[in-house]
Amino acid sequence: MHLHPVAFNAIVPLAITYGAQRVRVPRDDFRLDMRLNCRRAPQKALWAAVYAVICRYALRRLRGTPLQVTDHVYGLFESGNMTSDYVPVCYAT
């Protein structure tokens, strides 16, 4: 929910005011996820498209601020389905 443009526009100045150093922008690797687990592909593709738009907005909004973001977040498309086989592959890329 923090990426919703209305919420995000309120969060950014508050984060800066209260000394936060980072904001989570969940950019998962859709292609990697499809290689590892292609179940629910249509649902994941929809999520990927939606997150691409809102993450792009968030990154533009963060330009010029002191807040940092991670390069990637792994496992977004596997929420509730993470396995011990999935995690090491993600971090090896």
Protein backbone atom coordinates (compact mmCIF):
# COMPACT_ATOMS: atom_id res chain seq x y z
CA MET A 1 0.00 0.00 0.00
CA HIS A 2 2.89 2.38 0.61
CA LEU A 3 3.44 2.61 -3.16
CA HIS A 4 -0.03 3.94 -3.90
CA PRO A 5 0.71 7.44 -5.27
CA VAL A 6 -1.42 9.21 -2.65
CA ALA A 7 0.22 7.33 0.23
CA PHE A 8 3.69 7.54 -1.30
CA ASN A 9 3.45 11.32 -1.70
CA ALA A 10 2.69 11.55 2.02
CA ILE A 11 5.33 9.03 3.07
CA VAL A 12 8.33 10.56 1.27
CA PRO A 13 8.41 13.88 3.17
CA LEU A 14 7.66 12.10 6.45
CA ALA A 15 10.48 9.63 5.83
CA ILE A 16 12.89 12.49 5.20
CA THR A 17 11.66 14.50 8.20
CA TYR A 18 12.03 11.55 10.58
CA GLY A 19 15.42 10.46 9.28
CA ALA A 20 14.59 7.33 7.33
CA GLN A 21 17.40 6.36 5.01
CA ARG A 22 15.62 3.91 2.72
CA VAL A 23 12.25 3.19 1.16
CA ARG A 24 11.25 -0.25 -0.09
CA VAL A 25 10.43 -0.22 -3.80
CA PRO A 26 9.62 -3.87 -4.58
CA ARG A 27 11.11 -4.50 -8.02
CA ASP A 28 11.15 -8.27 -8.42
CA ASP A 29 12.67 -10.09 -11.37
CA PHE A 30 9.67 -11.46 -13.29
CA ARG A 31 11.77 -13.42 -15.80
CA LEU A 32 13.76 -15.10 -13.05
CA ASP A 33 10.56 -15.99 -11.22
CA MET A 34 9.09 -17.53 -14.36
CA ARG A 35 12.21 -19.66 -14.81
CA LEU A 36 11.97 -20.89 -11.22
CA ASN A 37 8.22 -21.28 -10.91
CA CYS A 38 5.85 -20.62 -13.80
CA ARG A 39 2.69 -21.53 -11.85
CA ARG A 40 0.10 -18.75 -11.78
CA ALA A 41 1.88 -17.08 -14.72
CA PRO A 42 -1.09 -14.90 -15.81
CA GLN A 43 -1.61 -13.60 -12.27
CA LYS A 44 2.12 -12.93 -11.85
CA ALA A 45 2.26 -11.17 -15.23
CA LEU A 46 -0.55 -8.86 -14.12
CA TRP A 47 1.24 -8.15 -10.83
CA ALA A 48 4.47 -7.49 -12.73
CA ALA A 49 2.75 -4.96 -14.99
CA VAL A 50 1.09 -3.15 -12.10
CA TYR A 51 4.26 -3.08 -10.00
CA ALA A 52 6.30 -1.86 -12.98
CA VAL A 53 4.06 1.20 -13.28
CA ILE A 54 3.90 2.06 -9.59
CA CYS A 55 7.60 1.36 -9.00
CA ARG A 56 8.54 3.59 -11.92
CA TYR A 57 6.40 6.35 -10.38
CA ALA A 58 8.03 5.83 -6.97
CA LEU A 59 11.55 5.95 -8.39
CA ARG A 60 10.78 9.20 -10.24
CA ARG A 61 9.30 10.65 -7.05
CA LEU A 62 12.44 9.73 -5.09
CA ARG A 63 14.83 11.52 -7.47
CA GLY A 64 16.55 14.35 -5.70
CA THR A 65 15.77 13.02 -2.23
CA PRO A 66 18.30 11.48 0.17
CA LEU A 67 16.29 8.25 0.32
CA GLN A 68 17.84 5.09 -1.10
CA VAL A 69 16.13 2.02 -2.56
CA THR A 70 17.22 -1.55 -3.14
CA ASP A 71 18.06 -2.74 -6.64
CA HIS A 72 15.65 -5.69 -6.44
CA VAL A 73 13.29 -7.45 -4.09
CA TYR A 74 13.13 -11.19 -4.61
CA GLY A 75 10.09 -13.28 -3.81
CA LEU A 76 7.32 -10.75 -4.42
CA PHE A 77 5.71 -13.08 -6.95
CA GLU A 78 6.15 -16.04 -4.58
CA SER A 79 4.47 -14.47 -1.58
CA GLY A 80 3.31 -17.32 0.62
CA ASN A 81 5.12 -19.87 -1.56
CA MET A 82 8.83 -19.30 -0.88
CA THR A 83 10.87 -22.48 -0.64
CA SER A 84 14.42 -23.22 0.42
CA ASP A 85 15.20 -24.07 -3.23
CA TYR A 86 13.99 -20.69 -4.52
CA VAL A 87 15.96 -18.34 -2.27
CA PRO A 88 19.57 -19.35 -3.09
CA VAL A 89 18.91 -19.13 -6.82
CA CYS A 90 17.59 -15.58 -6.50
CA TYR A 91 20.63 -14.35 -4.64
CA ALA A 92 23.07 -16.05 -7.01
CA THR A 93 21.97 -13.80 -9.90
